[in-house]
Amino acid sequence: MSKYLILIYQDESVARQAEGESISASYQEFQQRRGPSLLGGAALHPSSTATSVRRDGAGGFLVTDGPFAESKETLGGYYLIDAADLDEALEIAKEVPAGVGVEVWPVRVAN
């Protein structure tokens, strides 16, 4: 089995409307259906709460409010999953009830 990270993207204006609500029925159903493959996951606070830390090229750091890239679509949450291969990870990802879409990234395990 391999680990994959599913990054969930959403329209930030829609996400703000749902803030403070409990997890939706569609996510609850997904989690029940795919529970054995789910190793973890969480929703994220709005992008306005993010902080970016970048190297400044002179040995220091530049810390700024907000995410590095500004976009209508933002990272809204994630799942860490266990899947036999990329094909299985993609099948799981297709079931995530994300508004905009998801990205699937293989997790590199350090030896």
PDB file of N, CA and C in Angstrom:
ATOM      1  N   MET A   1       0.842  -1.186   0.000  1.00  0.00           N
ATOM      2  CA  MET A   1       0.000   0.000   0.000  1.00  0.00           C
ATOM      3  C   MET A   1       0.886   1.250   0.000  1.00  0.00           C
ATOM      4  N   SER A   2       0.396   2.289  -0.616  1.00  0.00           N
ATOM      5  CA  SER A   2       1.092   3.568  -0.684  1.00  0.00           C
ATOM      6  C   SER A   2       0.203   4.655  -0.107  1.00  0.00           C
ATOM      7  N   LYS A   3       0.835   5.721   0.317  1.00  0.00           N
ATOM      8  CA  LYS A   3       0.084   6.848   0.865  1.00  0.00           C
ATOM      9  C   LYS A   3      -0.041   7.939  -0.198  1.00  0.00           C
ATOM     10  N   TYR A   4      -1.212   8.579  -0.204  1.00  0.00           N
ATOM     11  CA  TYR A   4      -1.490   9.682  -1.119  1.00  0.00           C
ATOM     12  C   TYR A   4      -2.165  10.787  -0.333  1.00  0.00           C
ATOM     13  N   LEU A   5      -1.894  12.014  -0.736  1.00  0.00           N
ATOM     14  CA  LEU A   5      -2.553  13.168  -0.149  1.00  0.00           C
ATOM     15  C   LEU A   5      -3.553  13.700  -1.161  1.00  0.00           C
ATOM     16  N   ILE A   6      -4.802  13.814  -0.733  1.00  0.00           N
ATOM     17  CA  ILE A   6      -5.841  14.400  -1.576  1.00  0.00           C
ATOM     18  C   ILE A   6      -6.071  15.820  -1.074  1.00  0.00           C
ATOM     19  N   LEU A   7      -5.748  16.801  -1.908  1.00  0.00           N
ATOM     20  CA  LEU A   7      -5.949  18.209  -1.568  1.00  0.00           C
ATOM     21  C   LEU A   7      -7.291  18.649  -2.126  1.00  0.00           C
ATOM     22  N   ILE A   8      -8.116  19.200  -1.269  1.00  0.00           N
ATOM     23  CA  ILE A   8      -9.483  19.564  -1.642  1.00  0.00           C
ATOM     24  C   ILE A   8      -9.551  21.070  -1.900  1.00  0.00           C
ATOM     25  N   TYR A   9      -9.960  21.437  -3.099  1.00  0.00           N
ATOM     26  CA  TYR A   9     -10.079  22.845  -3.459  1.00  0.00           C
ATOM     27  C   TYR A   9     -11.543  23.250  -3.474  1.00  0.00           C
ATOM     28  N   GLN A  10     -11.782  24.492  -3.074  1.00  0.00           N
ATOM     29  CA  GLN A  10     -13.155  24.987  -3.014  1.00  0.00           C
ATOM     30  C   GLN A  10     -13.186  26.454  -3.390  1.00  0.00           C
ATOM     31  N   ASP A  11     -14.363  26.907  -3.740  1.00  0.00           N
ATOM     32  CA  ASP A  11     -14.603  28.319  -3.991  1.00  0.00           C
ATOM     33  C   ASP A  11     -14.698  28.977  -2.622  1.00  0.00           C
ATOM     34  N   GLU A  12     -13.807  29.902  -2.345  1.00  0.00           N
ATOM     35  CA  GLU A  12     -13.722  30.488  -1.006  1.00  0.00           C
ATOM     36  C   GLU A  12     -15.016  31.184  -0.590  1.00  0.00           C
ATOM     37  N   SER A  13     -15.738  31.802  -1.519  1.00  0.00           N
ATOM     38  CA  SER A  13     -16.977  32.486  -1.147  1.00  0.00           C
ATOM     39  C   SER A  13     -18.036  31.481  -0.694  1.00  0.00           C
ATOM     40  N   VAL A  14     -18.078  30.306  -1.296  1.00  0.00           N
ATOM     41  CA  VAL A  14     -19.009  29.259  -0.887  1.00  0.00           C
ATOM     42  C   VAL A  14     -18.585  28.693   0.461  1.00  0.00           C
ATOM     43  N   ALA A  15     -17.289  28.528   0.648  1.00  0.00           N
ATOM     44  CA  ALA A  15     -16.774  27.987   1.908  1.00  0.00           C
ATOM     45  C   ALA A  15     -17.096  28.912   3.074  1.00  0.00           C
ATOM     46  N   ARG A  16     -17.032  30.213   2.860  1.00  0.00           N
ATOM     47  CA  ARG A  16     -17.343  31.163   3.936  1.00  0.00           C
ATOM     48  C   ARG A  16     -18.786  31.025   4.404  1.00  0.00           C
ATOM     49  N   GLN A  17     -19.689  30.755   3.466  1.00  0.00           N
ATOM     50  CA  GLN A  17     -21.101  30.589   3.818  1.00  0.00           C
ATOM     51  C   GLN A  17     -21.302  29.368   4.713  1.00  0.00           C
ATOM     52  N   ALA A  18     -20.489  28.326   4.528  1.00  0.00           N
ATOM     53  CA  ALA A  18     -20.648  27.082   5.284  1.00  0.00           C
ATOM     54  C   ALA A  18     -19.846  27.084   6.578  1.00  0.00           C
ATOM     55  N   GLU A  19     -19.079  28.139   6.824  1.00  0.00           N
ATOM     56  CA  GLU A  19     -18.232  28.201   8.007  1.00  0.00           C
ATOM     57  C   GLU A  19     -19.050  28.011   9.282  1.00  0.00           C
ATOM     58  N   GLY A  20     -18.559  27.192  10.162  1.00  0.00           N
ATOM     59  CA  GLY A  20     -19.227  26.969  11.424  1.00  0.00           C
ATOM     60  C   GLY A  20     -20.276  25.871  11.386  1.00  0.00           C
ATOM     61  N   GLU A  21     -20.629  25.411  10.182  1.00  0.00           N
ATOM     62  CA  GLU A  21     -21.592  24.323  10.073  1.00  0.00           C
ATOM     63  C   GLU A  21     -20.889  22.996  10.353  1.00  0.00           C
ATOM     64  N   SER A  22     -21.669  22.003  10.723  1.00  0.00           N
ATOM     65  CA  SER A  22     -21.090  20.682  10.917  1.00  0.00           C
ATOM     66  C   SER A  22     -20.774  20.078   9.552  1.00  0.00           C
ATOM     67  N   ILE A  23     -20.042  18.988   9.571  1.00  0.00           N
ATOM     68  CA  ILE A  23     -19.643  18.339   8.325  1.00  0.00           C
ATOM     69  C   ILE A  23     -20.892  17.933   7.536  1.00  0.00           C
ATOM     70  N   SER A  24     -20.854  18.154   6.234  1.00  0.00           N
ATOM     71  CA  SER A  24     -22.028  17.898   5.399  1.00  0.00           C
ATOM     72  C   SER A  24     -22.309  16.398   5.303  1.00  0.00           C
ATOM     73  N   ALA A  25     -23.543  16.090   4.965  1.00  0.00           N
ATOM     74  CA  ALA A  25     -23.953  14.695   4.816  1.00  0.00           C
ATOM     75  C   ALA A  25     -23.134  13.993   3.742  1.00  0.00           C
ATOM     76  N   SER A  26     -22.823  14.705   2.658  1.00  0.00           N
ATOM     77  CA  SER A  26     -22.055  14.070   1.578  1.00  0.00           C
ATOM     78  C   SER A  26     -20.647  13.699   2.043  1.00  0.00           C
ATOM     79  N   TYR A  27     -20.019  14.537   2.875  1.00  0.00           N
ATOM     80  CA  TYR A  27     -18.699  14.186   3.418  1.00  0.00           C
ATOM     81  C   TYR A  27     -18.819  13.058   4.436  1.00  0.00           C
ATOM     82  N   GLN A  28     -19.859  13.058   5.235  1.00  0.00           N
ATOM     83  CA  GLN A  28     -20.062  11.971   6.196  1.00  0.00           C
ATOM     84  C   GLN A  28     -20.217  10.633   5.467  1.00  0.00           C
ATOM     85  N   GLU A  29     -20.997  10.635   4.394  1.00  0.00           N
ATOM     86  CA  GLU A  29     -21.181   9.413   3.605  1.00  0.00           C
ATOM     87  C   GLU A  29     -19.861   8.958   2.996  1.00  0.00           C
ATOM     88  N   PHE A  30     -19.093   9.893   2.449  1.00  0.00           N
ATOM     89  CA  PHE A  30     -17.787   9.557   1.879  1.00  0.00           C
ATOM     90  C   PHE A  30     -16.890   8.940   2.944  1.00  0.00           C
ATOM     91  N   GLN A  31     -16.838   9.535   4.118  1.00  0.00           N
ATOM     92  CA  GLN A  31     -15.971   9.038   5.184  1.00  0.00           C
ATOM     93  C   GLN A  31     -16.408   7.659   5.667  1.00  0.00           C
ATOM     94  N   GLN A  32     -17.693   7.409   5.718  1.00  0.00           N
ATOM     95  CA  GLN A  32     -18.167   6.081   6.107  1.00  0.00           C
ATOM     96  C   GLN A  32     -17.817   5.043   5.037  1.00  0.00           C
ATOM     97  N   ARG A  33     -18.003   5.409   3.786  1.00  0.00           N
ATOM     98  CA  ARG A  33     -17.757   4.489   2.679  1.00  0.00           C
ATOM     99  C   ARG A  33     -16.271   4.174   2.531  1.00  0.00           C
ATOM    100  N   ARG A  34     -15.423   5.179   2.696  1.00  0.00           N
ATOM    101  CA  ARG A  34     -13.987   5.014   2.455  1.00  0.00           C
ATOM    102  C   ARG A  34     -13.159   4.980   3.738  1.00  0.00           C
ATOM    103  N   GLY A  35     -13.812   4.833   4.875  1.00  0.00           N
ATOM    104  CA  GLY A  35     -13.146   4.848   6.176  1.00  0.00           C
ATOM    105  C   GLY A  35     -11.864   4.042   6.274  1.00  0.00           C
ATOM    106  N   PRO A  36     -11.838   2.784   5.808  1.00  0.00           N
ATOM    107  CA  PRO A  36     -10.610   1.992   5.940  1.00  0.00           C
ATOM    108  C   PRO A  36      -9.408   2.583   5.198  1.00  0.00           C
ATOM    109  N   SER A  37      -9.640   3.363   4.159  1.00  0.00           N
ATOM    110  CA  SER A  37      -8.543   3.967   3.390  1.00  0.00           C
ATOM    111  C   SER A  37      -8.103   5.315   3.943  1.00  0.00           C
ATOM    112  N   LEU A  38      -8.927   5.929   4.779  1.00  0.00           N
ATOM    113  CA  LEU A  38      -8.630   7.272   5.286  1.00  0.00           C
ATOM    114  C   LEU A  38      -7.719   7.199   6.502  1.00  0.00           C
ATOM    115  N   LEU A  39      -6.553   7.795   6.397  1.00  0.00           N
ATOM    116  CA  LEU A  39      -5.595   7.820   7.502  1.00  0.00           C
ATOM    117  C   LEU A  39      -5.717   9.100   8.316  1.00  0.00           C
ATOM    118  N   GLY A  40      -6.306  10.116   7.744  1.00  0.00           N
ATOM    119  CA  GLY A  40      -6.478  11.396   8.420  1.00  0.00           C
ATOM    120  C   GLY A  40      -7.039  12.410   7.456  1.00  0.00           C
ATOM    121  N   GLY A  41      -7.380  13.549   7.983  1.00  0.00           N
ATOM    122  CA  GLY A  41      -7.900  14.614   7.147  1.00  0.00           C
ATOM    123  C   GLY A  41      -8.496  15.704   8.000  1.00  0.00           C
ATOM    124  N   ALA A  42      -8.670  16.857   7.401  1.00  0.00           N
ATOM    125  CA  ALA A  42      -9.245  17.985   8.125  1.00  0.00           C
ATOM    126  C   ALA A  42      -9.649  19.066   7.145  1.00  0.00           C
ATOM    127  N   ALA A  43     -10.605  19.879   7.587  1.00  0.00           N
ATOM    128  CA  ALA A  43     -10.950  21.102   6.858  1.00  0.00           C
ATOM    129  C   ALA A  43     -10.011  22.194   7.337  1.00  0.00           C
ATOM    130  N   LEU A  44      -9.768  23.160   6.484  1.00  0.00           N
ATOM    131  CA  LEU A  44      -8.879  24.264   6.832  1.00  0.00           C
ATOM    132  C   LEU A  44      -9.693  25.539   7.032  1.00  0.00           C
ATOM    133  N   HIS A  45      -9.160  26.439   7.837  1.00  0.00           N
ATOM    134  CA  HIS A  45      -9.775  27.753   8.006  1.00  0.00           C
ATOM    135  C   HIS A  45      -9.613  28.540   6.708  1.00  0.00           C
ATOM    136  N   PRO A  46     -10.336  29.649   6.526  1.00  0.00           N
ATOM    137  CA  PRO A  46     -10.244  30.445   5.294  1.00  0.00           C
ATOM    138  C   PRO A  46      -8.815  30.902   4.992  1.00  0.00           C
ATOM    139  N   SER A  47      -8.556  31.182   3.723  1.00  0.00           N
ATOM    140  CA  SER A  47      -7.205  31.586   3.306  1.00  0.00           C
ATOM    141  C   SER A  47      -6.753  32.867   3.994  1.00  0.00           C
ATOM    142  N   SER A  48      -7.694  33.686   4.450  1.00  0.00           N
ATOM    143  CA  SER A  48      -7.319  34.924   5.153  1.00  0.00           C
ATOM    144  C   SER A  48      -6.597  34.643   6.465  1.00  0.00           C
ATOM    145  N   THR A  49      -6.679  33.415   6.969  1.00  0.00           N
ATOM    146  CA  THR A  49      -6.002  33.064   8.221  1.00  0.00           C
ATOM    147  C   THR A  49      -4.626  32.455   7.974  1.00  0.00           C
ATOM    148  N   ALA A  50      -4.280  32.215   6.707  1.00  0.00           N
ATOM    149  CA  ALA A  50      -2.998  31.590   6.377  1.00  0.00           C
ATOM    150  C   ALA A  50      -1.855  32.594   6.501  1.00  0.00           C
ATOM    151  N   THR A  51      -0.676  32.078   6.725  1.00  0.00           N
ATOM    152  CA  THR A  51       0.543  32.885   6.765  1.00  0.00           C
ATOM    153  C   THR A  51       1.587  32.186   5.908  1.00  0.00           C
ATOM    154  N   SER A  52       2.241  32.944   5.021  1.00  0.00           N
ATOM    155  CA  SER A  52       3.284  32.394   4.161  1.00  0.00           C
ATOM    156  C   SER A  52       4.655  32.737   4.730  1.00  0.00           C
ATOM    157  N   VAL A  53       5.540  31.766   4.693  1.00  0.00           N
ATOM    158  CA  VAL A  53       6.923  31.958   5.126  1.00  0.00           C
ATOM    159  C   VAL A  53       7.803  31.589   3.943  1.00  0.00           C
ATOM    160  N   ARG A  54       8.588  32.538   3.460  1.00  0.00           N
ATOM    161  CA  ARG A  54       9.463  32.323   2.305  1.00  0.00           C
ATOM    162  C   ARG A  54      10.885  32.752   2.659  1.00  0.00           C
ATOM    163  N   ARG A  55      11.846  32.040   2.117  1.00  0.00           N
ATOM    164  CA  ARG A  55      13.250  32.447   2.277  1.00  0.00           C
ATOM    165  C   ARG A  55      13.473  33.721   1.470  1.00  0.00           C
ATOM    166  N   ASP A  56      14.231  34.644   2.029  1.00  0.00           N
ATOM    167  CA  ASP A  56      14.435  35.927   1.348  1.00  0.00           C
ATOM    168  C   ASP A  56      15.696  35.970   0.494  1.00  0.00           C
ATOM    169  N   GLY A  57      16.471  34.890   0.463  1.00  0.00           N
ATOM    170  CA  GLY A  57      17.690  34.845  -0.340  1.00  0.00           C
ATOM    171  C   GLY A  57      18.902  35.400   0.361  1.00  0.00           C
ATOM    172  N   ALA A  58      18.724  36.008   1.520  1.00  0.00           N
ATOM    173  CA  ALA A  58      19.841  36.584   2.271  1.00  0.00           C
ATOM    174  C   ALA A  58      20.012  35.881   3.624  1.00  0.00           C
ATOM    175  N   GLY A  59      19.459  34.678   3.737  1.00  0.00           N
ATOM    176  CA  GLY A  59      19.579  33.927   4.982  1.00  0.00           C
ATOM    177  C   GLY A  59      18.449  34.165   5.962  1.00  0.00           C
ATOM    178  N   GLY A  60      17.527  35.025   5.601  1.00  0.00           N
ATOM    179  CA  GLY A  60      16.399  35.312   6.475  1.00  0.00           C
ATOM    180  C   GLY A  60      15.104  34.813   5.868  1.00  0.00           C
ATOM    181  N   PHE A  61      14.024  35.282   6.441  1.00  0.00           N
ATOM    182  CA  PHE A  61      12.697  34.853   5.995  1.00  0.00           C
ATOM    183  C   PHE A  61      11.783  36.048   5.835  1.00  0.00           C
ATOM    184  N   LEU A  62      10.846  35.922   4.913  1.00  0.00           N
ATOM    185  CA  LEU A  62       9.816  36.912   4.704  1.00  0.00           C
ATOM    186  C   LEU A  62       8.498  36.268   5.123  1.00  0.00           C
ATOM    187  N   VAL A  63       7.834  36.860   6.102  1.00  0.00           N
ATOM    188  CA  VAL A  63       6.572  36.338   6.607  1.00  0.00           C
ATOM    189  C   VAL A  63       5.468  37.305   6.193  1.00  0.00           C
ATOM    190  N   THR A  64       4.467  36.773   5.482  1.00  0.00           N
ATOM    191  CA  THR A  64       3.375  37.626   5.012  1.00  0.00           C
ATOM    192  C   THR A  64       2.033  36.982   5.334  1.00  0.00           C
ATOM    193  N   ASP A  65       1.013  37.812   5.473  1.00  0.00           N
ATOM    194  CA  ASP A  65      -0.338  37.319   5.705  1.00  0.00           C
ATOM    195  C   ASP A  65      -0.886  36.702   4.432  1.00  0.00           C
ATOM    196  N   GLY A  66      -1.704  35.688   4.593  1.00  0.00           N
ATOM    197  CA  GLY A  66      -2.397  35.076   3.467  1.00  0.00           C
ATOM    198  C   GLY A  66      -1.579  34.016   2.772  1.00  0.00           C
ATOM    199  N   PRO A  67      -2.225  33.282   1.874  1.00  0.00           N
ATOM    200  CA  PRO A  67      -1.527  32.236   1.125  1.00  0.00           C
ATOM    201  C   PRO A  67      -0.583  32.855   0.102  1.00  0.00           C
ATOM    202  N   PHE A  68       0.341  32.055  -0.404  1.00  0.00           N
ATOM    203  CA  PHE A  68       1.315  32.522  -1.381  1.00  0.00           C
ATOM    204  C   PHE A  68       0.627  32.972  -2.664  1.00  0.00           C
ATOM    205  N   ALA A  69      -0.331  32.187  -3.147  1.00  0.00           N
ATOM    206  CA  ALA A  69      -1.043  32.525  -4.378  1.00  0.00           C
ATOM    207  C   ALA A  69      -2.461  32.970  -4.038  1.00  0.00           C
ATOM    208  N   GLU A  70      -2.871  34.070  -4.639  1.00  0.00           N
ATOM    209  CA  GLU A  70      -4.250  34.520  -4.447  1.00  0.00           C
ATOM    210  C   GLU A  70      -5.097  33.965  -5.579  1.00  0.00           C
ATOM    211  N   SER A  71      -6.223  33.410  -5.221  1.00  0.00           N
ATOM    212  CA  SER A  71      -7.090  32.791  -6.206  1.00  0.00           C
ATOM    213  C   SER A  71      -8.494  32.680  -5.628  1.00  0.00           C
ATOM    214  N   LYS A  72      -9.472  32.615  -6.500  1.00  0.00           N
ATOM    215  CA  LYS A  72     -10.850  32.396  -6.052  1.00  0.00           C
ATOM    216  C   LYS A  72     -10.973  31.000  -5.451  1.00  0.00           C
ATOM    217  N   GLU A  73     -10.235  30.046  -6.043  1.00  0.00           N
ATOM    218  CA  GLU A  73     -10.223  28.678  -5.540  1.00  0.00           C
ATOM    219  C   GLU A  73      -9.073  28.539  -4.554  1.00  0.00           C
ATOM    220  N   THR A  74      -9.390  28.032  -3.369  1.00  0.00           N
ATOM    221  CA  THR A  74      -8.352  27.880  -2.350  1.00  0.00           C
ATOM    222  C   THR A  74      -8.364  26.467  -1.794  1.00  0.00           C
ATOM    223  N   LEU A  75      -7.275  26.139  -1.139  1.00  0.00           N
ATOM    224  CA  LEU A  75      -7.165  24.857  -0.469  1.00  0.00           C
ATOM    225  C   LEU A  75      -8.082  24.873   0.741  1.00  0.00           C
ATOM    226  N   GLY A  76      -9.032  23.947   0.786  1.00  0.00           N
ATOM    227  CA  GLY A  76     -10.014  23.960   1.850  1.00  0.00           C
ATOM    228  C   GLY A  76      -9.889  22.802   2.820  1.00  0.00           C
ATOM    229  N   GLY A  77      -9.105  21.792   2.458  1.00  0.00           N
ATOM    230  CA  GLY A  77      -8.943  20.652   3.331  1.00  0.00           C
ATOM    231  C   GLY A  77      -8.133  19.568   2.646  1.00  0.00           C
ATOM    232  N   TYR A  78      -8.004  18.439   3.337  1.00  0.00           N
ATOM    233  CA  TYR A  78      -7.196  17.351   2.788  1.00  0.00           C
ATOM    234  C   TYR A  78      -7.608  16.023   3.407  1.00  0.00           C
ATOM    235  N   TYR A  79      -7.246  14.960   2.726  1.00  0.00           N
ATOM    236  CA  TYR A  79      -7.304  13.607   3.262  1.00  0.00           C
ATOM    237  C   TYR A  79      -5.965  12.950   2.992  1.00  0.00           C
ATOM    238  N   LEU A  80      -5.451  12.236   3.951  1.00  0.00           N
ATOM    239  CA  LEU A  80      -4.308  11.360   3.759  1.00  0.00           C
ATOM    240  C   LEU A  80      -4.893   9.966   3.646  1.00  0.00           C
ATOM    241  N   ILE A  81      -4.604   9.289   2.536  1.00  0.00           N
ATOM    242  CA  ILE A  81      -5.202   7.976   2.305  1.00  0.00           C
ATOM    243  C   ILE A  81      -4.138   6.917   2.084  1.00  0.00           C
ATOM    244  N   ASP A  82      -4.564   5.673   2.207  1.00  0.00           N
ATOM    245  CA  ASP A  82      -3.746   4.519   1.906  1.00  0.00           C
ATOM    246  C   ASP A  82      -4.412   3.821   0.732  1.00  0.00           C
ATOM    247  N   ALA A  83      -3.680   3.608  -0.346  1.00  0.00           N
ATOM    248  CA  ALA A  83      -4.241   2.977  -1.538  1.00  0.00           C
ATOM    249  C   ALA A  83      -3.204   2.044  -2.148  1.00  0.00           C
ATOM    250  N   ALA A  84      -3.673   1.035  -2.843  1.00  0.00           N
ATOM    251  CA  ALA A  84      -2.777   0.056  -3.458  1.00  0.00           C
ATOM    252  C   ALA A  84      -1.880   0.705  -4.517  1.00  0.00           C
ATOM    253  N   ASP A  85      -2.445   1.659  -5.261  1.00  0.00           N
ATOM    254  CA  ASP A  85      -1.694   2.316  -6.328  1.00  0.00           C
ATOM    255  C   ASP A  85      -2.415   3.609  -6.706  1.00  0.00           C
ATOM    256  N   LEU A  86      -1.865   4.324  -7.679  1.00  0.00           N
ATOM    257  CA  LEU A  86      -2.446   5.594  -8.095  1.00  0.00           C
ATOM    258  C   LEU A  86      -3.870   5.414  -8.616  1.00  0.00           C
ATOM    259  N   ASP A  87      -4.121   4.333  -9.339  1.00  0.00           N
ATOM    260  CA  ASP A  87      -5.475   4.105  -9.866  1.00  0.00           C
ATOM    261  C   ASP A  87      -6.499   4.045  -8.738  1.00  0.00           C
ATOM    262  N   GLU A  88      -6.181   3.321  -7.673  1.00  0.00           N
ATOM    263  CA  GLU A  88      -7.106   3.243  -6.543  1.00  0.00           C
ATOM    264  C   GLU A  88      -7.234   4.605  -5.862  1.00  0.00           C
ATOM    265  N   ALA A  89      -6.125   5.321  -5.726  1.00  0.00           N
ATOM    266  CA  ALA A  89      -6.159   6.659  -5.116  1.00  0.00           C
ATOM    267  C   ALA A  89      -7.058   7.591  -5.918  1.00  0.00           C
ATOM    268  N   LEU A  90      -7.004   7.499  -7.237  1.00  0.00           N
ATOM    269  CA  LEU A  90      -7.849   8.340  -8.087  1.00  0.00           C
ATOM    270  C   LEU A  90      -9.318   7.974  -7.953  1.00  0.00           C
ATOM    271  N   GLU A  91      -9.614   6.700  -7.809  1.00  0.00           N
ATOM    272  CA  GLU A  91     -11.004   6.276  -7.609  1.00  0.00           C
ATOM    273  C   GLU A  91     -11.544   6.832  -6.298  1.00  0.00           C
ATOM    274  N   ILE A  92     -10.725   6.805  -5.250  1.00  0.00           N
ATOM    275  CA  ILE A  92     -11.137   7.382  -3.968  1.00  0.00           C
ATOM    276  C   ILE A  92     -11.328   8.886  -4.116  1.00  0.00           C
ATOM    277  N   ALA A  93     -10.390   9.550  -4.782  1.00  0.00           N
ATOM    278  CA  ALA A  93     -10.450  11.000  -4.959  1.00  0.00           C
ATOM    279  C   ALA A  93     -11.701  11.433  -5.718  1.00  0.00           C
ATOM    280  N   LYS A  94     -12.134  10.635  -6.667  1.00  0.00           N
ATOM    281  CA  LYS A  94     -13.331  10.961  -7.446  1.00  0.00           C
ATOM    282  C   LYS A  94     -14.590  10.982  -6.576  1.00  0.00           C
ATOM    283  N   GLU A  95     -14.546  10.312  -5.437  1.00  0.00           N
ATOM    284  CA  GLU A  95     -15.696  10.254  -4.540  1.00  0.00           C
ATOM    285  C   GLU A  95     -15.746  11.405  -3.545  1.00  0.00           C
ATOM    286  N   VAL A  96     -14.652  12.172  -3.422  1.00  0.00           N
ATOM    287  CA  VAL A  96     -14.642  13.302  -2.490  1.00  0.00           C
ATOM    288  C   VAL A  96     -15.637  14.335  -3.003  1.00  0.00           C
ATOM    289  N   PRO A  97     -16.595  14.741  -2.171  1.00  0.00           N
ATOM    290  CA  PRO A  97     -17.633  15.666  -2.640  1.00  0.00           C
ATOM    291  C   PRO A  97     -17.166  17.121  -2.671  1.00  0.00           C
ATOM    292  N   ALA A  98     -16.025  17.361  -3.277  1.00  0.00           N
ATOM    293  CA  ALA A  98     -15.451  18.708  -3.328  1.00  0.00           C
ATOM    294  C   ALA A  98     -16.181  19.555  -4.352  1.00  0.00           C
ATOM    295  N   GLY A  99     -16.348  20.842  -4.027  1.00  0.00           N
ATOM    296  CA  GLY A  99     -17.041  21.747  -4.920  1.00  0.00           C
ATOM    297  C   GLY A  99     -16.293  22.025  -6.199  1.00  0.00           C
ATOM    298  N   VAL A 100     -15.004  22.305  -6.111  1.00  0.00           N
ATOM    299  CA  VAL A 100     -14.224  22.675  -7.289  1.00  0.00           C
ATOM    300  C   VAL A 100     -13.459  21.480  -7.832  1.00  0.00           C
ATOM    301  N   GLY A 101     -12.786  20.746  -6.971  1.00  0.00           N
ATOM    302  CA  GLY A 101     -12.009  19.599  -7.404  1.00  0.00           C
ATOM    303  C   GLY A 101     -10.934  19.259  -6.401  1.00  0.00           C
ATOM    304  N   VAL A 102     -10.160  18.238  -6.728  1.00  0.00           N
ATOM    305  CA  VAL A 102      -9.101  17.782  -5.845  1.00  0.00           C
ATOM    306  C   VAL A 102      -7.826  17.540  -6.642  1.00  0.00           C
ATOM    307  N   GLU A 103      -6.711  17.474  -5.932  1.00  0.00           N
ATOM    308  CA  GLU A 103      -5.441  17.029  -6.494  1.00  0.00           C
ATOM    309  C   GLU A 103      -5.003  15.820  -5.685  1.00  0.00           C
ATOM    310  N   VAL A 104      -4.355  14.871  -6.350  1.00  0.00           N
ATOM    311  CA  VAL A 104      -3.849  13.682  -5.682  1.00  0.00           C
ATOM    312  C   VAL A 104      -2.332  13.682  -5.807  1.00  0.00           C
ATOM    313  N   TRP A 105      -1.674  13.640  -4.674  1.00  0.00           N
ATOM    314  CA  TRP A 105      -0.212  13.658  -4.632  1.00  0.00           C
ATOM    315  C   TRP A 105       0.297  12.406  -3.937  1.00  0.00           C
ATOM    316  N   PRO A 106       1.235  11.660  -4.552  1.00  0.00           N
ATOM    317  CA  PRO A 106       1.839  10.550  -3.834  1.00  0.00           C
ATOM    318  C   PRO A 106       2.720  11.113  -2.711  1.00  0.00           C
ATOM    319  N   VAL A 107       2.706  10.433  -1.575  1.00  0.00           N
ATOM    320  CA  VAL A 107       3.514  10.850  -0.437  1.00  0.00           C
ATOM    321  C   VAL A 107       4.842  10.104  -0.510  1.00  0.00           C
ATOM    322  N   ARG A 108       5.938  10.840  -0.474  1.00  0.00           N
ATOM    323  CA  ARG A 108       7.262  10.239  -0.504  1.00  0.00           C
ATOM    324  C   ARG A 108       7.651   9.869   0.923  1.00  0.00           C
ATOM    325  N   VAL A 109       7.965   8.615   1.112  1.00  0.00           N
ATOM    326  CA  VAL A 109       8.347   8.131   2.441  1.00  0.00           C
ATOM    327  C   VAL A 109       9.863   8.129   2.530  1.00  0.00           C
ATOM    328  N   ALA A 110      10.393   8.838   3.536  1.00  0.00           N
ATOM    329  CA  ALA A 110      11.839   8.902   3.729  1.00  0.00           C
ATOM    330  C   ALA A 110      12.324   7.577   4.325  1.00  0.00           C
ATOM    331  N   ASN A 111      13.427   7.096   3.810  1.00  0.00           N
ATOM    332  CA  ASN A 111      14.012   5.851   4.330  1.00  0.00           C
ATOM    333  C   ASN A 111      15.023   6.131   5.395  1.00  0.00           C
TER     334      ASN A 111
END
